[in-house]
Amino acid sequence: MDRYFIPESIEEDNLELPSAKQIERSSFSVPDFDVDEFLAGYHQYQTLEDIQDQLRTWTRSLEQELVDLINEDYGQFVGLGMSLAEGKPKVQDIKVEILGFQQEIKQVQKKLETSANETDSLIQEKAQLGEMEV
């Protein structure tokens, strides 16, 4: 008779020992990432040194991705800066045109005020003439 009793209901898959879990990128992508929960989940199957080695590998990988992204978009970034610099004279030209337009508006306002004053004077004169006739 066997010394150990293993029920038949246990499948063979459940008899395997757990293996070390590899850290995946999605582990860090969760919105409510919790360091303690993360370490507890991975430390169960491997040493802290192994986890530290995996995290260092991920750090190097992410740093390289960041450098690649910066290099990929660097040309566009520089081009944007240059296009902004080229736009400055255009903005100055528009500013000069707006200032000129403001001066024209002030001149038109003065002419309108003058015309309104002349019209008021003529209306008063007409009213006075109308009073004299009566």
Protein backbone atom coordinates (compact mmCIF):
# COMPACT_ATOMS: atom_id res chain seq x y z
CA MET A 1 0.00 0.00 0.00
CA ASP A 2 1.21 3.57 -0.88
CA ARG A 3 2.21 5.72 2.00
CA TYR A 4 0.79 8.85 0.33
CA PHE A 5 -2.78 9.13 -0.69
CA ILE A 6 -3.44 11.33 -3.73
CA PRO A 7 -7.12 11.70 -4.57
CA GLU A 8 -8.00 10.91 -8.17
CA SER A 9 -9.83 14.21 -8.50
CA ILE A 10 -6.54 16.14 -8.51
CA GLU A 11 -5.33 16.62 -12.05
CA GLU A 12 -1.70 16.14 -12.98
CA ASP A 13 -1.36 19.83 -13.89
CA ASN A 14 -1.98 20.79 -10.30
CA LEU A 15 0.88 18.59 -9.12
CA GLU A 16 3.53 20.69 -10.89
CA LEU A 17 5.52 23.13 -8.79
CA PRO A 18 5.02 26.79 -9.60
CA SER A 19 7.77 28.30 -11.72
CA ALA A 20 9.23 31.77 -11.51
CA LYS A 21 6.93 34.38 -12.99
CA GLN A 22 8.46 36.67 -15.57
CA ILE A 23 7.66 40.33 -15.11
CA GLU A 24 5.56 41.60 -17.99
CA ARG A 25 5.06 45.14 -19.21
CA SER A 26 1.35 44.96 -18.42
CA SER A 27 2.25 44.58 -14.73
CA PHE A 28 3.21 48.27 -14.65
CA SER A 29 0.41 49.53 -16.89
CA VAL A 30 -2.43 49.15 -14.42
CA PRO A 31 -3.86 52.47 -13.22
CA ASP A 32 -3.78 51.48 -9.55
CA PHE A 33 -0.28 49.93 -9.49
CA ASP A 34 0.68 48.87 -5.96
CA VAL A 35 4.34 48.08 -5.27
CA ASP A 36 3.63 45.92 -2.23
CA GLU A 37 1.07 43.84 -4.11
CA PHE A 38 3.44 43.55 -7.07
CA LEU A 39 6.33 42.32 -4.93
CA ALA A 40 4.12 39.92 -2.98
CA GLY A 41 2.86 38.38 -6.22
CA TYR A 42 6.33 37.85 -7.67
CA HIS A 43 8.29 37.14 -4.49
CA GLN A 44 6.19 34.05 -3.89
CA TYR A 45 8.02 32.25 -6.72
CA GLN A 46 11.49 33.82 -6.77
CA THR A 47 14.01 35.72 -4.71
CA LEU A 48 14.11 39.47 -4.38
CA GLU A 49 17.47 39.45 -6.18
CA ASP A 50 15.88 37.74 -9.18
CA ILE A 51 13.07 40.29 -9.19
CA GLN A 52 15.64 43.06 -8.93
CA ASP A 53 17.55 41.65 -11.93
CA GLN A 54 14.34 41.49 -13.99
CA LEU A 55 13.47 45.07 -13.02
CA ARG A 56 16.94 46.25 -14.02
CA THR A 57 16.48 44.57 -17.39
CA TRP A 58 13.12 46.32 -17.78
CA THR A 59 14.69 49.63 -16.81
CA ARG A 60 17.35 49.30 -19.52
CA SER A 61 14.71 48.27 -22.05
CA LEU A 62 12.45 51.21 -21.19
CA GLU A 63 15.37 53.65 -21.25
CA GLN A 64 16.28 52.43 -24.74
CA GLU A 65 12.66 52.78 -25.89
CA LEU A 66 12.62 56.33 -24.57
CA VAL A 67 15.84 57.18 -26.42
CA ASP A 68 14.42 55.63 -29.61
CA LEU A 69 11.20 57.65 -29.27
CA ILE A 70 13.13 60.86 -28.72
CA ASN A 71 15.40 60.16 -31.70
CA GLU A 72 12.41 59.26 -33.88
CA ASP A 73 10.58 62.49 -33.14
CA TYR A 74 13.64 64.72 -32.78
CA GLY A 75 13.54 65.84 -36.41
CA GLN A 76 9.89 66.81 -36.11
CA PHE A 77 10.60 68.61 -32.84
CA VAL A 78 13.41 70.64 -34.39
CA GLY A 79 11.24 71.33 -37.44
CA LEU A 80 8.46 72.60 -35.19
CA GLY A 81 10.88 74.93 -33.43
CA MET A 82 12.14 76.26 -36.76
CA SER A 83 8.61 76.77 -38.09
CA LEU A 84 7.76 78.71 -34.93
CA ALA A 85 10.83 80.87 -35.44
CA GLU A 86 9.81 81.47 -39.06
CA GLY A 87 6.34 82.47 -37.89
CA LYS A 88 7.61 85.30 -35.68
CA PRO A 89 8.13 87.78 -38.57
CA LYS A 90 4.66 86.90 -39.87
CA VAL A 91 3.18 87.67 -36.47
CA GLN A 92 5.05 90.98 -36.45
CA ASP A 93 3.65 91.81 -39.90
CA ILE A 94 0.12 91.06 -38.72
CA LYS A 95 0.70 93.16 -35.60
CA VAL A 96 1.78 96.13 -37.75
CA GLU A 97 -1.29 95.71 -39.96
CA ILE A 98 -3.58 95.59 -36.93
CA LEU A 99 -2.01 98.73 -35.47
CA GLY A 100 -2.49 100.49 -38.82
CA PHE A 101 -6.09 99.34 -38.93
CA GLN A 102 -6.62 100.69 -35.40
CA GLN A 103 -5.31 104.09 -36.52
CA GLU A 104 -7.68 104.07 -39.49
CA ILE A 105 -10.59 103.25 -37.17
CA LYS A 106 -9.64 106.16 -34.89
CA GLN A 107 -9.57 108.51 -37.89
CA VAL A 108 -12.98 107.30 -39.02
CA GLN A 109 -14.31 107.75 -35.47
CA LYS A 110 -13.00 111.33 -35.41
CA LYS A 111 -14.67 112.03 -38.78
CA LEU A 112 -17.92 110.54 -37.49
CA GLU A 113 -17.75 112.66 -34.34
CA THR A 114 -17.07 115.74 -36.43
CA SER A 115 -19.97 114.90 -38.74
CA ALA A 116 -22.24 114.22 -35.76
CA ASN A 117 -21.26 117.56 -34.18
CA GLU A 118 -21.88 119.40 -37.48
CA THR A 119 -25.24 117.66 -37.84
CA ASP A 120 -26.19 118.64 -34.27
CA SER A 121 -25.17 122.24 -35.02
CA LEU A 122 -27.22 122.30 -38.21
CA ILE A 123 -30.24 120.81 -36.43
CA GLN A 124 -29.96 123.46 -33.70
CA GLU A 125 -29.62 126.19 -36.32
CA LYS A 126 -32.69 124.90 -38.14
CA ALA A 127 -34.61 124.77 -34.88
CA GLN A 128 -33.61 128.37 -34.12
CA LEU A 129 -34.62 129.46 -37.61
CA GLY A 130 -37.95 127.65 -37.16
CA GLU A 131 -38.51 129.56 -33.89
CA MET A 132 -37.74 132.88 -35.59
CA GLU A 133 -40.28 132.24 -38.31
CA VAL A 134 -43.05 131.61 -35.83
